[in-house]
């Protein structure tokens, strides 16, 4: 199985599933900088938010809930992985 077949079997749950099959040169030129700007903007927002007093204090108040929810989700995914391994 080559890399193309592996990629084709992956679930298409990202934005690339919305792209047309025949991509023009314009899309190839515009899309990467646009994706970079969106990702960089999001990372800047995420980096700056903890430096502001109000978002930081709010986060510290509900941090316990976030950590417990993430732990519960990871435990569930781990159990699912174990059960699917036992089926094979």
Foldseek 3Di string as FASTA:
>chain_A
DDPVVVVVPDDPPDCVVVDDPDDDVVCVVPVVVVVVVVVVVVVVCVVCQCVDDVSVVVCVVCVVVVVVVVVVVVVVVVVVVVVVVVVD
